[in-house]
């Protein structure tokens, strides 16, 4: 996961002096920005421009028409160097550091102690968007999108919450009861009333909610994390990740997806991979039951979709037997992600009217798998976890009568940054397991519909074929 070079934080400035040094548009812009706070704004300008004068007057800021000197920094919580003269801004920044005052230098991120973000103001709610000085215009574009998402009166709801904090602290025990109360308040009738302007009605509804018996029941969500790309996670999955007290996740679930949960949620890795099962399935089910019966909200994160080779059936049975309520949140399964990456139809009118999800493990013996008959009848087959048994899959199907020229696609790390797409025919599939350059999870697609694939980029299944293509 990428790491930030700056730690985002909110600096308290209410009633405190904030110094702005400059005369032109940059100083005026910083004055307007600080005008959205309750800071005591002091502007130092030798020759203030008309724009700056108008903003100072409108915002009731203090203006000192004189050249900057280090004494201006006395008592300042923050300082802004906005003279638009590099040498002068450097001098101001050096003086600020000597005085121990954090300084921001306009358009000079390398000289800044802090970066001013683009701000969405729904006071007391604020959303800050920053790029660590790398792309401020991008931050403004993101701000515009967030402005459109958030109701203009959302601050009313935040203000109501602020007024209720003391009452909540007296009436509800610390911890889970309070967290669940706030979650209900911000996503229910209380929020609806506050946003409509009925603050008194919202407060009354919140007080009634506090008087109710606290909801201490546990719940488990079996969540499909998709094939790996965070933007393929469903909106419901994102929501329940924010509600979870505990996140139980598999090794194939990317760290970026796990990180979308609450920061204070407990994380339990059950690290299942082919051939290396760190936690037995029975123990995973026991963890879900234990945490659910303890009254905790649990997200069980599985790669792809939990109902397709995700052993969700065993976990659902364990939860049902223990009386723990649960819900399944579907995800994008690897077969769909692989087909999308290969730009290959899984069904095609007149050619393939059925689709089979299969695991390659049952093709490891001499017995023809049950799904092979459907492949012979024209179905497209998606073989999960099939790289190590690719040769066996190909041999069984060819022996059963499927043409050796049947199109095949293999997708490694589908929908992830290091994804690779391979194309060939059934006779070349056996070469996949022997390729040392393929070591990630692979999904294999087999069927005549794949002849219609139009991948943006692909390798040949056979390294020999690839060399021939490159030479050509």
Protein backbone atom coordinates (compact mmCIF):
# COMPACT_ATOMS: atom_id res chain seq x y z
CA UNK A 1 0.00 0.00 0.00
CA UNK A 2 1.40 3.48 -0.86
CA UNK A 3 2.55 5.49 2.16
CA UNK A 4 1.92 9.18 2.76
CA UNK A 5 4.80 11.51 3.44
CA UNK A 6 2.48 13.80 5.43
CA UNK A 7 0.10 12.91 8.24
CA UNK A 8 -3.34 14.52 7.74
CA UNK A 9 -4.55 16.33 10.85
CA UNK A 10 -6.80 19.23 11.83
CA UNK A 11 -5.12 22.16 13.60
CA UNK A 12 -7.19 24.05 16.21
CA UNK A 13 -7.20 27.76 15.41
CA UNK A 14 -10.32 29.07 17.17
CA UNK A 15 -9.50 32.47 18.62
CA UNK A 16 -5.81 32.03 17.81
CA UNK A 17 -3.63 34.26 15.67
CA UNK A 18 -2.89 33.07 12.14
CA UNK A 19 -0.41 35.19 10.19
CA UNK A 20 -0.61 35.76 6.43
CA UNK A 21 2.19 37.67 4.69
CA UNK A 22 1.62 38.93 1.16
CA UNK A 23 -0.13 41.51 -1.00
CA UNK A 24 -1.51 39.85 -4.12
CA UNK A 25 -3.98 37.14 -5.18
CA UNK A 26 -2.17 34.36 -3.28
CA UNK A 27 -2.47 36.24 0.02
CA UNK A 28 -6.12 37.04 -0.73
CA UNK A 29 -6.84 33.35 -1.40
CA UNK A 30 -5.27 32.31 1.92
CA UNK A 31 -7.25 35.02 3.71
CA UNK A 32 -10.48 33.68 2.23
CA UNK A 33 -9.49 30.13 3.19
CA UNK A 34 -8.80 31.13 6.80
CA UNK A 35 -12.02 33.13 6.74
CA UNK A 36 -13.89 29.80 6.85
CA UNK A 37 -12.50 29.29 10.37
CA UNK A 38 -12.83 31.18 13.65
CA UNK A 39 -9.13 32.05 13.69
CA UNK A 40 -7.91 35.60 14.42
CA UNK A 41 -6.47 36.52 11.02
CA UNK A 42 -3.58 38.96 10.86
CA UNK A 43 -2.38 40.05 7.40
CA UNK A 44 1.00 41.74 6.92
CA UNK A 45 1.29 43.54 3.58
CA UNK A 46 3.55 46.35 2.43
CA UNK A 47 1.36 47.21 -0.57
CA UNK A 48 -2.02 45.40 -0.25
CA UNK A 49 -3.89 44.92 -3.51
CA UNK A 50 -7.55 45.74 -4.00
CA UNK A 51 -8.62 42.08 -3.80
CA UNK A 52 -6.80 41.56 -0.51
CA UNK A 53 -8.21 44.79 0.95
CA UNK A 54 -11.74 43.71 0.09
CA UNK A 55 -11.27 40.26 1.70
CA UNK A 56 -9.69 41.74 4.83
CA UNK A 57 -12.62 44.10 5.27
CA UNK A 58 -15.27 41.47 4.56
CA UNK A 59 -13.75 38.95 6.98
CA UNK A 60 -12.92 41.53 9.67
CA UNK A 61 -9.25 40.53 9.60
CA UNK A 62 -6.44 42.71 10.98
CA UNK A 63 -4.21 44.39 8.41
CA UNK A 64 -0.72 45.69 9.11
CA UNK A 65 0.48 47.78 6.18
CA UNK A 66 4.21 47.36 6.65
CA UNK A 67 7.10 45.10 5.69
CA UNK A 68 7.35 41.73 7.39
CA UNK A 69 9.64 41.32 10.37
CA UNK A 70 10.09 38.27 12.63
CA UNK A 71 8.25 40.00 15.46
CA UNK A 72 5.00 39.52 13.53
CA UNK A 73 5.24 35.80 14.31
CA UNK A 74 4.89 36.26 18.06
CA UNK A 75 1.89 34.32 19.37
CA UNK A 76 0.98 32.89 15.95
CA UNK A 77 -0.43 29.37 15.72
CA UNK A 78 0.28 29.14 11.98
CA UNK A 79 1.94 31.30 9.34
CA UNK A 80 1.45 31.59 5.58
CA UNK A 81 4.12 33.03 3.29
CA UNK A 82 2.23 34.29 0.23
CA UNK A 83 4.32 37.12 -1.18
CA UNK A 84 4.80 35.27 -4.50
CA UNK A 85 8.48 36.26 -4.29
CA UNK A 86 10.65 33.19 -3.73
CA UNK A 87 13.44 34.91 -1.84
CA UNK A 88 11.04 36.76 0.46
CA UNK A 89 8.94 33.64 1.06
CA UNK A 90 12.10 31.73 1.99
CA UNK A 91 13.05 34.46 4.46
CA UNK A 92 9.58 34.31 6.07
CA UNK A 93 9.69 30.50 6.26
CA UNK A 94 13.13 30.58 7.92
CA UNK A 95 11.92 33.14 10.48
CA UNK A 96 8.84 31.03 11.21
CA UNK A 97 10.91 27.92 11.87
CA UNK A 98 13.22 29.88 14.15
CA UNK A 99 10.15 31.06 16.07
CA UNK A 100 8.72 27.52 16.19
CA UNK A 101 5.65 28.47 14.13
CA UNK A 102 4.49 25.94 11.46
CA UNK A 103 4.60 27.64 8.07
CA UNK A 104 3.01 27.12 4.66
CA UNK A 105 4.70 28.64 1.61
CA UNK A 106 2.37 29.08 -1.35
CA UNK A 107 3.34 26.89 -4.33
CA UNK A 108 6.55 25.76 -2.58
CA UNK A 109 5.74 22.36 -1.03
CA UNK A 110 9.41 21.70 -0.30
CA UNK A 111 9.39 24.71 2.07
CA UNK A 112 6.13 23.80 3.83
CA UNK A 113 5.72 22.37 7.31
CA UNK A 114 2.10 21.66 6.42
CA UNK A 115 -0.01 21.58 3.26
CA UNK A 116 -3.38 23.30 2.98
CA UNK A 117 -5.93 20.86 1.55
CA UNK A 118 -8.97 21.53 -0.56
CA UNK A 119 -11.81 21.76 1.96
CA UNK A 120 -15.46 20.77 1.83
CA UNK A 121 -17.04 22.85 4.60
CA UNK A 122 -20.14 21.51 6.32
CA UNK A 123 -19.18 22.92 9.70
CA UNK A 124 -18.65 21.35 12.13
CA UNK A 125 -18.09 18.59 9.56
CA UNK A 126 -15.10 19.16 7.30
CA UNK A 127 -13.63 17.03 4.53
CA UNK A 128 -10.03 17.81 3.58
CA UNK A 129 -8.52 16.59 0.31
CA UNK A 130 -4.79 16.82 -0.21
CA UNK A 131 -2.16 15.56 -2.63
CA UNK A 132 0.87 16.47 -0.48
CA UNK A 133 1.44 19.41 -2.81
CA UNK A 134 1.84 17.17 -5.86
CA UNK A 135 -1.38 18.07 -7.69
CA UNK A 136 -3.51 20.78 -6.03
CA UNK A 137 -5.74 21.09 -9.10
CA UNK A 138 -6.59 17.39 -8.76
CA UNK A 139 -7.53 17.99 -5.12
CA UNK A 140 -9.92 20.73 -6.26
CA UNK A 141 -11.51 18.39 -8.81
CA UNK A 142 -12.05 15.77 -6.09
CA UNK A 143 -13.44 18.45 -3.80
CA UNK A 144 -16.04 19.34 -6.44
CA UNK A 145 -17.17 15.73 -6.62
CA UNK A 146 -17.49 15.47 -2.84
CA UNK A 147 -19.35 18.78 -2.67
CA UNK A 148 -21.96 17.27 -4.98
CA UNK A 149 -22.26 14.15 -2.79
CA UNK A 150 -22.78 15.83 0.58
CA UNK A 151 -26.01 17.60 1.46
CA UNK A 152 -25.46 21.33 2.09
CA UNK A 153 -27.18 20.99 5.49
CA UNK A 154 -25.13 18.01 6.66
CA UNK A 155 -23.54 20.27 9.25
CA UNK A 156 -26.86 20.35 11.09
CA UNK A 157 -26.57 16.64 11.76
CA UNK A 158 -22.99 17.00 12.96
CA UNK A 159 -24.05 19.91 15.17
CA UNK A 160 -26.84 17.82 16.66
CA UNK A 161 -24.36 15.04 17.43
CA UNK A 162 -22.06 17.54 19.11
CA UNK A 163 -24.92 18.69 21.34
CA UNK A 164 -25.82 15.11 22.28
CA UNK A 165 -22.34 13.87 23.17
CA UNK A 166 -22.66 14.63 26.87
CA UNK A 167 -26.07 12.97 27.12
CA UNK A 168 -24.85 9.90 25.25
CA UNK A 169 -21.86 9.64 27.58
CA UNK A 170 -24.18 9.68 30.62
CA UNK A 171 -26.83 7.28 29.34
CA UNK A 172 -24.95 4.72 27.24
CA UNK A 173 -22.00 2.58 28.31
CA UNK A 174 -18.72 3.24 26.53
CA UNK A 175 -17.75 1.05 23.62
CA UNK A 176 -20.02 -0.92 21.34
CA UNK A 177 -23.35 0.46 22.63
CA UNK A 178 -22.33 4.02 21.86
CA UNK A 179 -20.87 3.17 18.48
CA UNK A 180 -24.05 1.41 17.40
CA UNK A 181 -26.18 4.31 18.63
CA UNK A 182 -24.21 6.77 16.52
CA UNK A 183 -24.36 4.46 13.50
CA UNK A 184 -28.17 4.29 13.78
CA UNK A 185 -28.45 8.01 14.33
CA UNK A 186 -26.49 8.94 11.23
CA UNK A 187 -28.32 6.50 8.95
CA UNK A 188 -31.98 6.61 9.94
CA UNK A 189 -34.97 8.81 10.86
CA UNK A 190 -32.91 11.05 13.15
CA UNK A 191 -30.65 12.01 10.26
CA UNK A 192 -33.62 12.49 7.92
CA UNK A 193 -35.26 14.94 10.32
CA UNK A 194 -32.06 16.88 10.94
CA UNK A 195 -31.35 17.25 7.24
CA UNK A 196 -34.89 18.49 6.64
CA UNK A 197 -34.38 21.24 9.22
CA UNK A 198 -36.42 19.65 12.04
CA UNK A 199 -33.67 19.78 14.66
CA UNK A 200 -36.12 19.61 17.59
CA UNK A 201 -37.79 16.52 16.13
CA UNK A 202 -34.40 14.94 15.42
CA UNK A 203 -33.27 15.55 19.02
CA UNK A 204 -36.48 13.99 20.39
CA UNK A 205 -36.07 10.94 18.16
CA UNK A 206 -32.46 10.57 19.28
CA UNK A 207 -33.48 10.74 22.96
CA UNK A 208 -36.09 8.02 22.38
CA UNK A 209 -33.46 5.90 20.68
CA UNK A 210 -31.14 6.27 23.67
CA UNK A 211 -33.94 5.10 26.00
CA UNK A 212 -34.34 1.85 24.07
CA UNK A 213 -32.59 -1.32 25.12
CA UNK A 214 -29.10 -1.26 23.52
CA UNK A 215 -28.68 -3.58 20.55
CA UNK A 216 -26.04 -6.05 21.74
CA UNK A 217 -26.68 -8.76 19.16
CA UNK A 218 -23.90 -10.12 17.00
CA UNK A 219 -24.02 -10.42 13.23
CA UNK A 220 -21.83 -11.92 10.51
CA UNK A 221 -21.51 -10.79 6.92
CA UNK A 222 -19.96 -13.23 4.44
CA UNK A 223 -18.52 -10.72 1.99
CA UNK A 224 -17.11 -11.22 -1.48
CA UNK A 225 -14.04 -9.01 -1.85
CA UNK A 226 -13.97 -9.50 -5.61
CA UNK A 227 -10.89 -10.45 -7.62
CA UNK A 228 -8.62 -7.86 -6.01
CA UNK A 229 -9.22 -4.43 -7.53
CA UNK A 230 -10.65 -2.14 -4.84
CA UNK A 231 -13.00 -0.42 -7.29
CA UNK A 232 -14.70 -3.78 -7.99
CA UNK A 233 -15.81 -4.00 -4.36
CA UNK A 234 -19.57 -3.49 -4.05
CA UNK A 235 -21.03 -0.48 -2.25
CA UNK A 236 -22.65 -2.80 0.29
CA UNK A 237 -19.32 -4.46 1.00
CA UNK A 238 -17.75 -1.04 1.63
CA UNK A 239 -20.59 -0.14 4.00
CA UNK A 240 -20.44 -3.28 6.13
CA UNK A 241 -16.64 -3.04 6.35
CA UNK A 242 -17.21 0.26 8.14
CA UNK A 243 -19.68 -1.39 10.53
CA UNK A 244 -17.53 -4.39 11.43
CA UNK A 245 -15.89 -4.85 14.83
CA UNK A 246 -13.93 -7.83 13.49
CA UNK A 247 -12.62 -8.54 9.97
CA UNK A 248 -11.71 -12.16 9.23
CA UNK A 249 -9.92 -12.33 5.89
CA UNK A 250 -8.21 -14.74 3.51
CA UNK A 251 -4.67 -14.42 2.15
CA UNK A 252 -5.89 -13.61 -1.37
CA UNK A 253 -7.78 -10.53 -0.17
CA UNK A 254 -5.54 -7.51 -0.90
CA UNK A 255 -4.36 -5.37 1.99
CA UNK A 256 -6.01 -2.34 0.35
CA UNK A 257 -9.43 -3.98 0.71
CA UNK A 258 -8.86 -4.98 4.34
CA UNK A 259 -7.75 -1.40 5.04
CA UNK A 260 -11.17 -0.14 3.96
CA UNK A 261 -12.56 -1.39 7.28
CA UNK A 262 -12.72 0.66 10.45
CA UNK A 263 -9.25 1.43 11.79
CA UNK A 264 -10.21 0.15 15.25
CA UNK A 265 -11.68 -3.12 13.95
CA UNK A 266 -9.85 -6.28 15.01
CA UNK A 267 -8.27 -8.06 12.06
CA UNK A 268 -7.89 -11.84 11.97
CA UNK A 269 -5.95 -13.39 9.10
CA UNK A 270 -6.96 -16.95 8.31
CA UNK A 271 -4.51 -17.02 5.40
CA UNK A 272 -5.90 -19.83 3.28
CA UNK A 273 -3.95 -20.56 0.11
CA UNK A 274 -3.79 -23.65 -2.02
CA UNK A 275 -1.47 -26.16 -0.36
CA UNK A 276 -0.90 -23.96 2.70
CA UNK A 277 -3.97 -23.70 4.92
CA UNK A 278 -2.83 -21.73 7.94
CA UNK A 279 -6.22 -22.07 9.69
CA UNK A 280 -8.45 -25.16 9.19
CA UNK A 281 -11.95 -24.47 7.91
CA UNK A 282 -13.54 -25.79 11.11
CA UNK A 283 -11.53 -23.29 13.12
CA UNK A 284 -12.56 -20.44 10.82
CA UNK A 285 -16.21 -21.34 11.33
CA UNK A 286 -15.60 -21.50 15.09
CA UNK A 287 -14.10 -17.99 15.03
CA UNK A 288 -17.17 -16.61 13.26
CA UNK A 289 -19.51 -18.31 15.74
CA UNK A 290 -17.46 -17.20 18.74
CA UNK A 291 -17.31 -13.55 17.70
CA UNK A 292 -20.95 -13.45 16.63
CA UNK A 293 -22.18 -14.96 19.92
CA UNK A 294 -20.04 -12.41 21.78
CA UNK A 295 -22.21 -9.68 20.25
CA UNK A 296 -19.70 -8.45 17.71
CA UNK A 297 -20.31 -7.43 14.10
CA UNK A 298 -18.10 -9.60 11.91
CA UNK A 299 -17.11 -9.34 8.25
CA UNK A 300 -15.77 -12.55 6.75
CA UNK A 301 -13.84 -11.36 3.69
CA UNK A 302 -13.36 -13.87 0.88
CA UNK A 303 -11.69 -13.36 -2.46
CA UNK A 304 -14.15 -13.33 -5.36
CA UNK A 305 -17.67 -14.40 -4.42
CA UNK A 306 -18.24 -16.29 -1.15
CA UNK A 307 -20.69 -18.74 -2.76
CA UNK A 308 -18.33 -19.91 -5.52
CA UNK A 309 -15.59 -22.19 -4.16
CA UNK A 310 -15.51 -20.01 -1.05
CA UNK A 311 -16.74 -22.69 1.39
CA UNK A 312 -19.45 -20.30 2.49
CA UNK A 313 -21.85 -23.23 2.77
CA UNK A 314 -19.91 -24.66 5.71
CA UNK A 315 -19.76 -21.30 7.43
CA UNK A 316 -23.45 -20.62 6.90
CA UNK A 317 -24.29 -24.02 8.36
CA UNK A 318 -22.13 -23.37 11.43
CA UNK A 319 -23.68 -19.93 11.98
CA UNK A 320 -27.22 -21.25 11.54
CA UNK A 321 -26.62 -24.13 13.96
CA UNK A 322 -25.28 -21.66 16.53
CA UNK A 323 -28.17 -19.25 16.06
CA UNK A 324 -25.94 -16.41 14.84
CA UNK A 325 -27.67 -14.22 12.23
CA UNK A 326 -25.76 -13.65 9.00
CA UNK A 327 -26.01 -12.19 5.52
CA UNK A 328 -24.17 -12.93 2.28
CA UNK A 329 -22.78 -9.95 0.36
CA UNK A 330 -21.93 -11.17 -3.15
CA UNK A 331 -18.75 -10.18 -4.96
CA UNK A 332 -17.37 -10.25 -8.48
CA UNK A 333 -16.17 -13.80 -8.99
CA UNK A 334 -12.81 -14.49 -10.63
CA UNK A 335 -14.39 -16.01 -13.75
CA UNK A 336 -16.18 -12.78 -14.60
CA UNK A 337 -13.10 -10.68 -13.90
CA UNK A 338 -10.95 -12.98 -16.04
CA UNK A 339 -13.43 -12.92 -18.91
CA UNK A 340 -13.60 -9.12 -18.73
CA UNK A 341 -9.82 -8.89 -18.82
CA UNK A 342 -9.68 -11.24 -21.80
CA UNK A 343 -12.59 -9.38 -23.43
CA UNK A 344 -14.11 -12.79 -23.98
CA UNK A 345 -17.84 -13.63 -23.98
CA UNK A 346 -18.72 -16.49 -21.65
CA UNK A 347 -21.96 -17.21 -23.51
CA UNK A 348 -22.57 -16.60 -27.20
CA UNK A 349 -25.78 -17.06 -29.15
CA UNK A 350 -25.64 -20.17 -31.30
CA UNK A 351 -22.30 -21.27 -29.87
CA UNK A 352 -22.37 -21.41 -26.04
CA UNK A 353 -25.59 -21.15 -24.05
CA UNK A 354 -24.32 -22.45 -20.71
CA UNK A 355 -21.50 -21.70 -18.31
CA UNK A 356 -19.80 -24.08 -15.88
CA UNK A 357 -17.84 -23.11 -12.77
CA UNK A 358 -15.41 -25.92 -12.00
CA UNK A 359 -12.37 -26.58 -9.86
CA UNK A 360 -9.37 -28.19 -11.46
CA UNK A 361 -8.71 -30.40 -8.44
CA UNK A 362 -11.24 -33.00 -9.53
CA UNK A 363 -9.37 -33.50 -12.83
CA UNK A 364 -6.20 -34.73 -11.14
CA UNK A 365 -7.19 -38.38 -11.29
CA UNK A 366 -8.03 -40.61 -14.25
CA UNK A 367 -11.79 -40.23 -13.87
CA UNK A 368 -13.39 -37.68 -16.19
CA UNK A 369 -14.85 -34.81 -14.09
CA UNK A 370 -18.62 -34.41 -14.07
CA UNK A 371 -18.39 -31.04 -15.81
CA UNK A 372 -16.42 -32.41 -18.76
CA UNK A 373 -19.59 -33.70 -20.42
CA UNK A 374 -21.00 -30.17 -20.45
CA UNK A 375 -17.80 -28.90 -22.07
CA UNK A 376 -18.27 -31.50 -24.82
CA UNK A 377 -21.79 -30.17 -25.37
CA UNK A 378 -20.51 -26.63 -25.98
CA UNK A 379 -20.57 -25.04 -22.53
CA UNK A 380 -17.89 -22.53 -21.60
CA UNK A 381 -15.96 -23.85 -18.61
CA UNK A 382 -14.25 -21.65 -16.02
CA UNK A 383 -11.69 -23.69 -14.11
CA UNK A 384 -10.68 -22.22 -10.75
CA UNK A 385 -7.33 -23.02 -9.13
CA UNK A 386 -6.36 -24.84 -12.30
CA UNK A 387 -2.75 -23.98 -13.08
CA UNK A 388 -1.15 -27.02 -11.43
CA UNK A 389 -3.60 -29.43 -13.05
CA UNK A 390 -3.81 -27.71 -16.44
CA UNK A 391 -2.18 -30.67 -18.18
CA UNK A 392 -4.61 -33.13 -16.57
CA UNK A 393 -7.59 -30.97 -17.53
CA UNK A 394 -6.42 -30.80 -21.15
CA UNK A 395 -5.66 -34.52 -21.36
CA UNK A 396 -9.03 -35.62 -19.94
CA UNK A 397 -11.00 -33.31 -22.23
CA UNK A 398 -9.08 -34.30 -25.38
CA UNK A 399 -9.38 -37.99 -24.51
CA UNK A 400 -13.13 -37.49 -24.07
CA UNK A 401 -13.44 -36.02 -27.55
CA UNK A 402 -13.13 -32.24 -27.16
CA UNK A 403 -11.15 -30.79 -30.06
CA UNK A 404 -7.52 -30.01 -29.29
CA UNK A 405 -8.06 -26.72 -31.13
CA UNK A 406 -10.75 -25.51 -28.70
CA UNK A 407 -9.83 -21.93 -27.68
CA UNK A 408 -8.41 -21.46 -24.19
CA UNK A 409 -7.65 -18.35 -22.11
CA UNK A 410 -5.73 -18.30 -18.84
CA UNK A 411 -5.70 -15.18 -16.67
CA UNK A 412 -3.17 -14.75 -13.89
CA UNK A 413 -4.04 -12.31 -11.06
CA UNK A 414 -7.27 -11.25 -12.76
CA UNK A 415 -8.23 -7.55 -12.36
CA UNK A 416 -5.03 -6.72 -10.47
CA UNK A 417 -2.14 -4.48 -11.45
CA UNK A 418 0.10 -7.45 -12.30
CA UNK A 419 -2.55 -9.27 -14.32
CA UNK A 420 -1.48 -11.32 -17.34
CA UNK A 421 -3.70 -12.82 -20.04
CA UNK A 422 -2.65 -15.89 -22.05
CA UNK A 423 -4.35 -17.32 -25.13
CA UNK A 424 -3.96 -20.57 -27.00
CA UNK A 425 -5.82 -23.78 -27.66
CA UNK A 426 -6.50 -26.88 -25.58
CA UNK A 427 -3.42 -28.67 -26.88
CA UNK A 428 -1.19 -25.91 -25.42
CA UNK A 429 -2.85 -25.75 -22.01
CA UNK A 430 -0.53 -28.43 -20.60
CA UNK A 431 2.41 -26.02 -20.96
CA UNK A 432 0.95 -23.59 -18.42
CA UNK A 433 2.04 -25.42 -15.27
CA UNK A 434 5.62 -25.69 -16.51
CA UNK A 435 6.04 -21.95 -17.07
CA UNK A 436 8.33 -20.52 -14.35
CA UNK A 437 7.07 -16.98 -15.05
CA UNK A 438 3.52 -17.82 -13.93
CA UNK A 439 3.17 -18.18 -10.17
CA UNK A 440 0.02 -16.22 -9.25
CA UNK A 441 -3.58 -17.51 -9.01
CA UNK A 442 -4.77 -18.55 -12.47
CA UNK A 443 -8.27 -18.97 -13.83
CA UNK A 444 -8.67 -21.00 -17.03
CA UNK A 445 -11.48 -20.45 -19.55
CA UNK A 446 -12.23 -23.17 -22.12
CA UNK A 447 -14.80 -23.08 -24.90
CA UNK A 448 -15.63 -22.13 -28.46
CA UNK A 449 -17.05 -18.74 -27.38
CA UNK A 450 -13.50 -17.65 -26.56
CA UNK A 451 -12.76 -17.47 -30.29
CA UNK A 452 -14.61 -14.14 -30.14
CA UNK A 453 -12.20 -12.70 -27.55
CA UNK A 454 -10.59 -9.36 -28.33
CA UNK A 455 -7.96 -8.82 -25.61
CA UNK A 456 -6.11 -5.51 -25.46
CA UNK A 457 -2.88 -7.43 -24.83
CA UNK A 458 -2.13 -11.12 -24.38
CA UNK A 459 0.69 -13.66 -24.35
CA UNK A 460 0.66 -17.07 -25.97
CA UNK A 461 0.16 -20.08 -23.70
CA UNK A 462 3.10 -21.75 -25.37
CA UNK A 463 6.43 -19.95 -24.94
CA UNK A 464 7.45 -21.45 -28.29
CA UNK A 465 4.43 -19.95 -29.96
CA UNK A 466 5.21 -16.64 -28.30
CA UNK A 467 8.74 -16.63 -29.71
CA UNK A 468 7.37 -17.39 -33.16
CA UNK A 469 4.89 -14.54 -32.88
CA UNK A 470 7.58 -12.13 -31.69
CA UNK A 471 9.93 -13.18 -34.48
CA UNK A 472 7.19 -12.65 -37.02
